[in-house]
C-alpha cells in the first residue's frame, strides 16, 4: 500500500476477508457450472460487442460472478477509453 493511502486511512482488507471472497467466487462458479473455456468465450463476445460502440482497454477487463441471498450477478468491469465514433475520426 502506498504511503498516501496509509495517511488517508485506506487499509488493505484483512487476509481472512480476501480468503472469504475467493472462496465465495469459487462457490459461485461451481453453482453456475461455467467452464473456463466458456468464460473466455463470454469475455471475447463481450469485447466484440462493446468494441462496436466504445474504445476499450482489453487488458483491463475483469469479469466476476457474485452471489447474494436471492440472485447471482455477472459483473463486467470494462475500462473505456472513448467512443468508437471518436476513434474513427
PDB file of N, CA and C in Angstrom:
ATOM      1  N   UNK A   1       0.854  -1.176   0.000  1.00  0.00           N
ATOM      2  CA  UNK A   1       0.000   0.000   0.000  1.00  0.00           C
ATOM      3  C   UNK A   1       0.893   1.229   0.000  1.00  0.00           C
ATOM      4  N   UNK A   2       0.468   2.278  -0.670  1.00  0.00           N
ATOM      5  CA  UNK A   2       1.270   3.482  -0.772  1.00  0.00           C
ATOM      6  C   UNK A   2       1.212   4.282   0.527  1.00  0.00           C
ATOM      7  N   UNK A   3       2.183   5.137   0.671  1.00  0.00           N
ATOM      8  CA  UNK A   3       2.247   5.992   1.853  1.00  0.00           C
ATOM      9  C   UNK A   3       1.031   6.910   1.907  1.00  0.00           C
ATOM     10  N   UNK A   4       0.644   7.448   0.763  1.00  0.00           N
ATOM     11  CA  UNK A   4      -0.524   8.326   0.712  1.00  0.00           C
ATOM     12  C   UNK A   4      -1.781   7.582   1.151  1.00  0.00           C
ATOM     13  N   UNK A   5      -1.927   6.335   0.715  1.00  0.00           N
ATOM     14  CA  UNK A   5      -3.075   5.536   1.122  1.00  0.00           C
ATOM     15  C   UNK A   5      -3.117   5.314   2.616  1.00  0.00           C
ATOM     16  N   UNK A   6      -1.960   5.090   3.200  1.00  0.00           N
ATOM     17  CA  UNK A   6      -1.901   4.901   4.655  1.00  0.00           C
ATOM     18  C   UNK A   6      -2.257   6.173   5.396  1.00  0.00           C
ATOM     19  N   UNK A   7      -1.787   7.314   4.890  1.00  0.00           N
ATOM     20  CA  UNK A   7      -2.071   8.582   5.546  1.00  0.00           C
ATOM     21  C   UNK A   7      -3.559   8.924   5.473  1.00  0.00           C
ATOM     22  N   UNK A   8      -4.173   8.626   4.372  1.00  0.00           N
ATOM     23  CA  UNK A   8      -5.593   8.925   4.199  1.00  0.00           C
ATOM     24  C   UNK A   8      -6.455   7.960   5.006  1.00  0.00           C
ATOM     25  N   UNK A   9      -5.933   6.797   5.292  1.00  0.00           N
ATOM     26  CA  UNK A   9      -6.692   5.842   6.089  1.00  0.00           C
ATOM     27  C   UNK A   9      -7.207   4.654   5.316  1.00  0.00           C
ATOM     28  N   UNK A  10      -6.808   4.529   4.051  1.00  0.00           N
ATOM     29  CA  UNK A  10      -7.204   3.350   3.288  1.00  0.00           C
ATOM     30  C   UNK A  10      -6.408   2.164   3.792  1.00  0.00           C
ATOM     31  N   UNK A  11      -7.095   1.114   4.056  1.00  0.00           N
ATOM     32  CA  UNK A  11      -6.434  -0.086   4.554  1.00  0.00           C
ATOM     33  C   UNK A  11      -6.732  -1.253   3.641  1.00  0.00           C
ATOM     34  N   UNK A  12      -5.770  -2.136   3.544  1.00  0.00           N
ATOM     35  CA  UNK A  12      -5.994  -3.348   2.781  1.00  0.00           C
ATOM     36  C   UNK A  12      -6.919  -4.247   3.583  1.00  0.00           C
ATOM     37  N   UNK A  13      -7.776  -4.996   2.896  1.00  0.00           N
ATOM     38  CA  UNK A  13      -8.669  -5.889   3.641  1.00  0.00           C
ATOM     39  C   UNK A  13      -7.856  -6.982   4.333  1.00  0.00           C
ATOM     40  N   UNK A  14      -8.318  -7.424   5.486  1.00  0.00           N
ATOM     41  CA  UNK A  14      -7.596  -8.498   6.176  1.00  0.00           C
ATOM     42  C   UNK A  14      -7.568  -9.767   5.332  1.00  0.00           C
ATOM     43  N   UNK A  15      -6.576 -10.602   5.567  1.00  0.00           N
ATOM     44  CA  UNK A  15      -6.405 -11.809   4.754  1.00  0.00           C
ATOM     45  C   UNK A  15      -7.620 -12.723   4.853  1.00  0.00           C
ATOM     46  N   UNK A  16      -8.291 -12.742   5.984  1.00  0.00           N
ATOM     47  CA  UNK A  16      -9.471 -13.604   6.092  1.00  0.00           C
ATOM     48  C   UNK A  16     -10.581 -13.125   5.171  1.00  0.00           C
ATOM     49  N   UNK A  17     -10.712 -11.810   4.972  1.00  0.00           N
ATOM     50  CA  UNK A  17     -11.720 -11.278   4.057  1.00  0.00           C
ATOM     51  C   UNK A  17     -11.367 -11.634   2.617  1.00  0.00           C
ATOM     52  N   UNK A  18     -10.101 -11.537   2.268  1.00  0.00           N
ATOM     53  CA  UNK A  18      -9.660 -11.899   0.919  1.00  0.00           C
ATOM     54  C   UNK A  18      -9.922 -13.382   0.672  1.00  0.00           C
ATOM     55  N   UNK A  19      -9.594 -14.231   1.643  1.00  0.00           N
ATOM     56  CA  UNK A  19      -9.827 -15.672   1.518  1.00  0.00           C
ATOM     57  C   UNK A  19     -11.318 -15.971   1.402  1.00  0.00           C
ATOM     58  N   UNK A  20     -12.125 -15.282   2.169  1.00  0.00           N
ATOM     59  CA  UNK A  20     -13.580 -15.481   2.122  1.00  0.00           C
ATOM     60  C   UNK A  20     -14.126 -15.092   0.752  1.00  0.00           C
ATOM     61  N   UNK A  21     -13.666 -13.973   0.218  1.00  0.00           N
ATOM     62  CA  UNK A  21     -14.124 -13.531  -1.100  1.00  0.00           C
ATOM     63  C   UNK A  21     -13.726 -14.523  -2.187  1.00  0.00           C
ATOM     64  N   UNK A  22     -12.518 -15.054  -2.090  1.00  0.00           N
ATOM     65  CA  UNK A  22     -12.064 -16.042  -3.074  1.00  0.00           C
ATOM     66  C   UNK A  22     -12.891 -17.318  -2.993  1.00  0.00           C
ATOM     67  N   UNK A  23     -13.160 -17.773  -1.791  1.00  0.00           N
ATOM     68  CA  UNK A  23     -13.969 -18.967  -1.615  1.00  0.00           C
ATOM     69  C   UNK A  23     -15.380 -18.751  -2.157  1.00  0.00           C
ATOM     70  N   UNK A  24     -15.939 -17.593  -1.896  1.00  0.00           N
ATOM     71  CA  UNK A  24     -17.275 -17.293  -2.398  1.00  0.00           C
ATOM     72  C   UNK A  24     -17.278 -17.301  -3.923  1.00  0.00           C
ATOM     73  N   UNK A  25     -16.243 -16.765  -4.549  1.00  0.00           N
ATOM     74  CA  UNK A  25     -16.145 -16.773  -6.002  1.00  0.00           C
ATOM     75  C   UNK A  25     -16.076 -18.195  -6.538  1.00  0.00           C
ATOM     76  N   UNK A  26     -15.311 -19.055  -5.887  1.00  0.00           N
ATOM     77  CA  UNK A  26     -15.218 -20.454  -6.307  1.00  0.00           C
ATOM     78  C   UNK A  26     -16.571 -21.139  -6.189  1.00  0.00           C
ATOM     79  N   UNK A  27     -17.281 -20.885  -5.113  1.00  0.00           N
ATOM     80  CA  UNK A  27     -18.595 -21.491  -4.925  1.00  0.00           C
ATOM     81  C   UNK A  27     -19.600 -21.033  -5.973  1.00  0.00           C
ATOM     82  N   UNK A  28     -19.569 -19.762  -6.309  1.00  0.00           N
ATOM     83  CA  UNK A  28     -20.484 -19.249  -7.328  1.00  0.00           C
ATOM     84  C   UNK A  28     -20.169 -19.891  -8.675  1.00  0.00           C
ATOM     85  N   UNK A  29     -18.883 -19.996  -9.013  1.00  0.00           N
ATOM     86  CA  UNK A  29     -18.508 -20.634 -10.271  1.00  0.00           C
ATOM     87  C   UNK A  29     -18.967 -22.085 -10.299  1.00  0.00           C
ATOM     88  N   UNK A  30     -18.853 -22.776  -9.182  1.00  0.00           N
ATOM     89  CA  UNK A  30     -19.317 -24.161  -9.122  1.00  0.00           C
ATOM     90  C   UNK A  30     -20.827 -24.262  -9.310  1.00  0.00           C
ATOM     91  N   UNK A  31     -21.559 -23.347  -8.729  1.00  0.00           N
ATOM     92  CA  UNK A  31     -23.019 -23.402  -8.814  1.00  0.00           C
ATOM     93  C   UNK A  31     -23.535 -23.096 -10.207  1.00  0.00           C
ATOM     94  N   UNK A  32     -22.892 -22.174 -10.908  1.00  0.00           N
ATOM     95  CA  UNK A  32     -23.379 -21.856 -12.255  1.00  0.00           C
ATOM     96  C   UNK A  32     -22.788 -22.787 -13.306  1.00  0.00           C
ATOM     97  N   UNK A  33     -21.782 -23.537 -12.932  1.00  0.00           N
ATOM     98  CA  UNK A  33     -21.171 -24.546 -13.805  1.00  0.00           C
ATOM     99  C   UNK A  33     -20.770 -24.000 -15.168  1.00  0.00           C
ATOM    100  N   UNK A  34     -19.994 -22.949 -15.138  1.00  0.00           N
ATOM    101  CA  UNK A  34     -19.492 -22.343 -16.366  1.00  0.00           C
ATOM    102  C   UNK A  34     -18.012 -22.682 -16.498  1.00  0.00           C
ATOM    103  N   UNK A  35     -17.673 -23.564 -17.434  1.00  0.00           N
ATOM    104  CA  UNK A  35     -16.271 -23.948 -17.611  1.00  0.00           C
ATOM    105  C   UNK A  35     -15.407 -22.755 -18.030  1.00  0.00           C
ATOM    106  N   UNK A  36     -14.120 -22.875 -17.798  1.00  0.00           N
ATOM    107  CA  UNK A  36     -13.188 -21.788 -18.104  1.00  0.00           C
ATOM    108  C   UNK A  36     -13.220 -21.416 -19.587  1.00  0.00           C
ATOM    109  N   UNK A  37     -13.386 -22.402 -20.461  1.00  0.00           N
ATOM    110  CA  UNK A  37     -13.434 -22.122 -21.900  1.00  0.00           C
ATOM    111  C   UNK A  37     -14.647 -21.273 -22.250  1.00  0.00           C
ATOM    112  N   UNK A  38     -15.778 -21.568 -21.623  1.00  0.00           N
ATOM    113  CA  UNK A  38     -16.985 -20.782 -21.883  1.00  0.00           C
ATOM    114  C   UNK A  38     -16.856 -19.382 -21.297  1.00  0.00           C
ATOM    115  N   UNK A  39     -16.179 -19.265 -20.160  1.00  0.00           N
ATOM    116  CA  UNK A  39     -15.943 -17.955 -19.562  1.00  0.00           C
ATOM    117  C   UNK A  39     -15.084 -17.109 -20.494  1.00  0.00           C
ATOM    118  N   UNK A  40     -14.068 -17.713 -21.103  1.00  0.00           N
ATOM    119  CA  UNK A  40     -13.208 -16.996 -22.047  1.00  0.00           C
ATOM    120  C   UNK A  40     -14.003 -16.586 -23.285  1.00  0.00           C
ATOM    121  N   UNK A  41     -14.880 -17.471 -23.760  1.00  0.00           N
ATOM    122  CA  UNK A  41     -15.717 -17.151 -24.920  1.00  0.00           C
ATOM    123  C   UNK A  41     -16.672 -16.005 -24.601  1.00  0.00           C
ATOM    124  N   UNK A  42     -17.231 -16.018 -23.392  1.00  0.00           N
ATOM    125  CA  UNK A  42     -18.117 -14.944 -22.954  1.00  0.00           C
ATOM    126  C   UNK A  42     -17.377 -13.614 -22.961  1.00  0.00           C
ATOM    127  N   UNK A  43     -16.162 -13.616 -22.437  1.00  0.00           N
ATOM    128  CA  UNK A  43     -15.357 -12.396 -22.394  1.00  0.00           C
ATOM    129  C   UNK A  43     -15.070 -11.906 -23.812  1.00  0.00           C
ATOM    130  N   UNK A  44     -14.715 -12.803 -24.725  1.00  0.00           N
ATOM    131  CA  UNK A  44     -14.422 -12.420 -26.106  1.00  0.00           C
ATOM    132  C   UNK A  44     -15.648 -11.823 -26.792  1.00  0.00           C
ATOM    133  N   UNK A  45     -16.814 -12.407 -26.543  1.00  0.00           N
ATOM    134  CA  UNK A  45     -18.043 -11.896 -27.144  1.00  0.00           C
ATOM    135  C   UNK A  45     -18.406 -10.524 -26.586  1.00  0.00           C
ATOM    136  N   UNK A  46     -18.228 -10.345 -25.286  1.00  0.00           N
ATOM    137  CA  UNK A  46     -18.486  -9.029 -24.691  1.00  0.00           C
ATOM    138  C   UNK A  46     -17.565  -7.975 -25.284  1.00  0.00           C
ATOM    139  N   UNK A  47     -16.302  -8.327 -25.447  1.00  0.00           N
ATOM    140  CA  UNK A  47     -15.336  -7.396 -26.035  1.00  0.00           C
ATOM    141  C   UNK A  47     -15.750  -7.032 -27.461  1.00  0.00           C
ATOM    142  N   UNK A  48     -16.166  -8.028 -28.239  1.00  0.00           N
ATOM    143  CA  UNK A  48     -16.571  -7.776 -29.619  1.00  0.00           C
ATOM    144  C   UNK A  48     -17.763  -6.823 -29.695  1.00  0.00           C
ATOM    145  N   UNK A  49     -18.757  -7.048 -28.844  1.00  0.00           N
ATOM    146  CA  UNK A  49     -19.954  -6.200 -28.864  1.00  0.00           C
ATOM    147  C   UNK A  49     -19.627  -4.794 -28.376  1.00  0.00           C
ATOM    148  N   UNK A  50     -18.932  -4.683 -27.266  1.00  0.00           N
ATOM    149  CA  UNK A  50     -18.625  -3.367 -26.715  1.00  0.00           C
ATOM    150  C   UNK A  50     -17.681  -2.571 -27.605  1.00  0.00           C
ATOM    151  N   UNK A  51     -16.826  -3.270 -28.347  1.00  0.00           N
ATOM    152  CA  UNK A  51     -15.891  -2.595 -29.250  1.00  0.00           C
ATOM    153  C   UNK A  51     -16.603  -1.890 -30.400  1.00  0.00           C
ATOM    154  N   UNK A  52     -17.813  -2.301 -30.693  1.00  0.00           N
ATOM    155  CA  UNK A  52     -18.583  -1.624 -31.735  1.00  0.00           C
ATOM    156  C   UNK A  52     -18.964  -0.205 -31.318  1.00  0.00           C
ATOM    157  N   UNK A  53     -19.112   0.016 -30.028  1.00  0.00           N
ATOM    158  CA  UNK A  53     -19.608   1.286 -29.524  1.00  0.00           C
ATOM    159  C   UNK A  53     -18.573   2.101 -28.753  1.00  0.00           C
ATOM    160  N   UNK A  54     -17.571   1.440 -28.198  1.00  0.00           N
ATOM    161  CA  UNK A  54     -16.580   2.121 -27.376  1.00  0.00           C
ATOM    162  C   UNK A  54     -15.181   1.640 -27.717  1.00  0.00           C
ATOM    163  N   UNK A  55     -14.214   2.496 -27.477  1.00  0.00           N
ATOM    164  CA  UNK A  55     -12.820   2.065 -27.486  1.00  0.00           C
ATOM    165  C   UNK A  55     -12.554   1.567 -26.068  1.00  0.00           C
ATOM    166  N   UNK A  56     -12.135   0.327 -25.952  1.00  0.00           N
ATOM    167  CA  UNK A  56     -11.947  -0.253 -24.631  1.00  0.00           C
ATOM    168  C   UNK A  56     -10.518  -0.732 -24.449  1.00  0.00           C
ATOM    169  N   UNK A  57     -10.103  -0.802 -23.199  1.00  0.00           N
ATOM    170  CA  UNK A  57      -8.797  -1.344 -22.836  1.00  0.00           C
ATOM    171  C   UNK A  57      -8.994  -2.830 -22.568  1.00  0.00           C
ATOM    172  N   UNK A  58      -8.685  -3.663 -23.546  1.00  0.00           N
ATOM    173  CA  UNK A  58      -8.967  -5.095 -23.424  1.00  0.00           C
ATOM    174  C   UNK A  58      -8.129  -5.771 -22.349  1.00  0.00           C
ATOM    175  N   UNK A  59      -6.981  -5.204 -22.009  1.00  0.00           N
ATOM    176  CA  UNK A  59      -6.144  -5.809 -20.971  1.00  0.00           C
ATOM    177  C   UNK A  59      -6.709  -5.601 -19.566  1.00  0.00           C
ATOM    178  N   UNK A  60      -7.544  -4.582 -19.401  1.00  0.00           N
ATOM    179  CA  UNK A  60      -8.064  -4.262 -18.078  1.00  0.00           C
ATOM    180  C   UNK A  60      -9.428  -4.839 -17.758  1.00  0.00           C
ATOM    181  N   UNK A  61      -9.967  -5.678 -18.632  1.00  0.00           N
ATOM    182  CA  UNK A  61     -11.312  -6.225 -18.427  1.00  0.00           C
ATOM    183  C   UNK A  61     -11.297  -7.287 -17.332  1.00  0.00           C
ATOM    184  N   UNK A  62     -12.234  -7.173 -16.412  1.00  0.00           N
ATOM    185  CA  UNK A  62     -12.402  -8.166 -15.347  1.00  0.00           C
ATOM    186  C   UNK A  62     -13.858  -8.599 -15.316  1.00  0.00           C
ATOM    187  N   UNK A  63     -14.078  -9.900 -15.356  1.00  0.00           N
ATOM    188  CA  UNK A  63     -15.438 -10.441 -15.283  1.00  0.00           C
ATOM    189  C   UNK A  63     -15.511 -11.326 -14.049  1.00  0.00           C
ATOM    190  N   UNK A  64     -16.468 -11.028 -13.192  1.00  0.00           N
ATOM    191  CA  UNK A  64     -16.624 -11.803 -11.967  1.00  0.00           C
ATOM    192  C   UNK A  64     -18.095 -12.153 -11.754  1.00  0.00           C
ATOM    193  N   UNK A  65     -18.309 -13.140 -10.930  1.00  0.00           N
ATOM    194  CA  UNK A  65     -19.650 -13.518 -10.515  1.00  0.00           C
ATOM    195  C   UNK A  65     -19.753 -13.274  -9.018  1.00  0.00           C
ATOM    196  N   UNK A  66     -20.895 -12.746  -8.598  1.00  0.00           N
ATOM    197  CA  UNK A  66     -21.153 -12.582  -7.173  1.00  0.00           C
ATOM    198  C   UNK A  66     -22.500 -13.213  -6.868  1.00  0.00           C
ATOM    199  N   UNK A  67     -22.698 -13.484  -5.612  1.00  0.00           N
ATOM    200  CA  UNK A  67     -23.950 -14.107  -5.215  1.00  0.00           C
ATOM    201  C   UNK A  67     -24.461 -13.425  -3.957  1.00  0.00           C
ATOM    202  N   UNK A  68     -25.732 -13.073  -3.994  1.00  0.00           N
ATOM    203  CA  UNK A  68     -26.395 -12.581  -2.794  1.00  0.00           C
ATOM    204  C   UNK A  68     -27.395 -13.652  -2.382  1.00  0.00           C
ATOM    205  N   UNK A  69     -28.203 -13.360  -1.432  1.00  0.00           N
ATOM    206  CA  UNK A  69     -29.165 -14.363  -0.966  1.00  0.00           C
ATOM    207  C   UNK A  69     -30.167 -14.745  -2.040  1.00  0.00           C
ATOM    208  N   UNK A  70     -30.514 -13.787  -2.903  1.00  0.00           N
ATOM    209  CA  UNK A  70     -31.574 -14.047  -3.869  1.00  0.00           C
ATOM    210  C   UNK A  70     -31.099 -14.286  -5.301  1.00  0.00           C
ATOM    211  N   UNK A  71     -29.907 -13.814  -5.655  1.00  0.00           N
ATOM    212  CA  UNK A  71     -29.533 -13.914  -7.066  1.00  0.00           C
ATOM    213  C   UNK A  71     -28.029 -13.961  -7.270  1.00  0.00           C
ATOM    214  N   UNK A  72     -27.650 -14.465  -8.434  1.00  0.00           N
ATOM    215  CA  UNK A  72     -26.268 -14.429  -8.881  1.00  0.00           C
ATOM    216  C   UNK A  72     -26.127 -13.246  -9.827  1.00  0.00           C
ATOM    217  N   UNK A  73     -24.961 -12.639  -9.833  1.00  0.00           N
ATOM    218  CA  UNK A  73     -24.730 -11.492 -10.707  1.00  0.00           C
ATOM    219  C   UNK A  73     -23.432 -11.666 -11.466  1.00  0.00           C
ATOM    220  N   UNK A  74     -23.463 -11.275 -12.703  1.00  0.00           N
ATOM    221  CA  UNK A  74     -22.278 -11.215 -13.533  1.00  0.00           C
ATOM    222  C   UNK A  74     -21.854  -9.758 -13.564  1.00  0.00           C
ATOM    223  N   UNK A  75     -20.627  -9.491 -13.178  1.00  0.00           N
ATOM    224  CA  UNK A  75     -20.129  -8.123 -13.155  1.00  0.00           C
ATOM    225  C   UNK A  75     -18.960  -8.034 -14.119  1.00  0.00           C
ATOM    226  N   UNK A  76     -19.095  -7.166 -15.092  1.00  0.00           N
ATOM    227  CA  UNK A  76     -18.027  -6.948 -16.065  1.00  0.00           C
ATOM    228  C   UNK A  76     -17.492  -5.533 -15.877  1.00  0.00           C
ATOM    229  N   UNK A  77     -16.238  -5.440 -15.511  1.00  0.00           N
ATOM    230  CA  UNK A  77     -15.583  -4.148 -15.374  1.00  0.00           C
ATOM    231  C   UNK A  77     -14.752  -3.945 -16.632  1.00  0.00           C
ATOM    232  N   UNK A  78     -15.169  -2.966 -17.436  1.00  0.00           N
ATOM    233  CA  UNK A  78     -14.539  -2.723 -18.730  1.00  0.00           C
ATOM    234  C   UNK A  78     -14.026  -1.282 -18.761  1.00  0.00           C
ATOM    235  N   UNK A  79     -12.712  -1.093 -18.784  1.00  0.00           N
ATOM    236  CA  UNK A  79     -12.178   0.269 -18.866  1.00  0.00           C
ATOM    237  C   UNK A  79     -12.454   0.869 -20.247  1.00  0.00           C
ATOM    238  N   UNK A  80     -13.145   1.996 -20.271  1.00  0.00           N
ATOM    239  CA  UNK A  80     -13.473   2.682 -21.517  1.00  0.00           C
ATOM    240  C   UNK A  80     -12.438   3.757 -21.793  1.00  0.00           C
ATOM    241  N   UNK A  81     -11.992   3.786 -23.035  1.00  0.00           N
ATOM    242  CA  UNK A  81     -11.029   4.807 -23.457  1.00  0.00           C
ATOM    243  C   UNK A  81     -11.761   5.953 -24.134  1.00  0.00           C
ATOM    244  N   UNK A  82     -12.838   5.664 -24.829  1.00  0.00           N
ATOM    245  CA  UNK A  82     -13.641   6.669 -25.519  1.00  0.00           C
ATOM    246  C   UNK A  82     -14.691   5.979 -26.350  1.00  0.00           C
ATOM    247  N   UNK A  83     -15.387   6.759 -27.172  1.00  0.00           N
ATOM    248  CA  UNK A  83     -16.404   6.163 -28.034  1.00  0.00           C
ATOM    249  C   UNK A  83     -15.762   5.672 -29.320  1.00  0.00           C
ATOM    250  N   UNK A  84     -16.357   4.686 -29.941  1.00  0.00           N
ATOM    251  CA  UNK A  84     -15.836   4.142 -31.195  1.00  0.00           C
ATOM    252  C   UNK A  84     -15.941   5.188 -32.297  1.00  0.00           C
ATOM    253  N   UNK A  85     -16.935   6.035 -32.243  1.00  0.00           N
ATOM    254  CA  UNK A  85     -17.099   7.081 -33.247  1.00  0.00           C
ATOM    255  C   UNK A  85     -15.958   8.087 -33.170  1.00  0.00           C
ATOM    256  N   UNK A  86     -15.512   8.398 -31.964  1.00  0.00           N
ATOM    257  CA  UNK A  86     -14.401   9.333 -31.805  1.00  0.00           C
ATOM    258  C   UNK A  86     -13.117   8.719 -32.358  1.00  0.00           C
ATOM    259  N   UNK A  87     -12.967   7.425 -32.259  1.00  0.00           N
ATOM    260  CA  UNK A  87     -11.795   6.715 -32.756  1.00  0.00           C
ATOM    261  C   UNK A  87     -11.745   6.765 -34.285  1.00  0.00           C
ATOM    262  N   UNK A  88     -12.919   6.710 -34.936  1.00  0.00           N
ATOM    263  CA  UNK A  88     -12.988   6.711 -36.392  1.00  0.00           C
ATOM    264  C   UNK A  88     -12.611   8.045 -36.998  1.00  0.00           C
ATOM    265  N   UNK A  89     -12.741   9.106 -36.232  1.00  0.00           N
ATOM    266  CA  UNK A  89     -12.471  10.460 -36.745  1.00  0.00           C
ATOM    267  C   UNK A  89     -11.030  10.739 -36.906  1.00  0.00           C
TER     268      UNK A  89
END
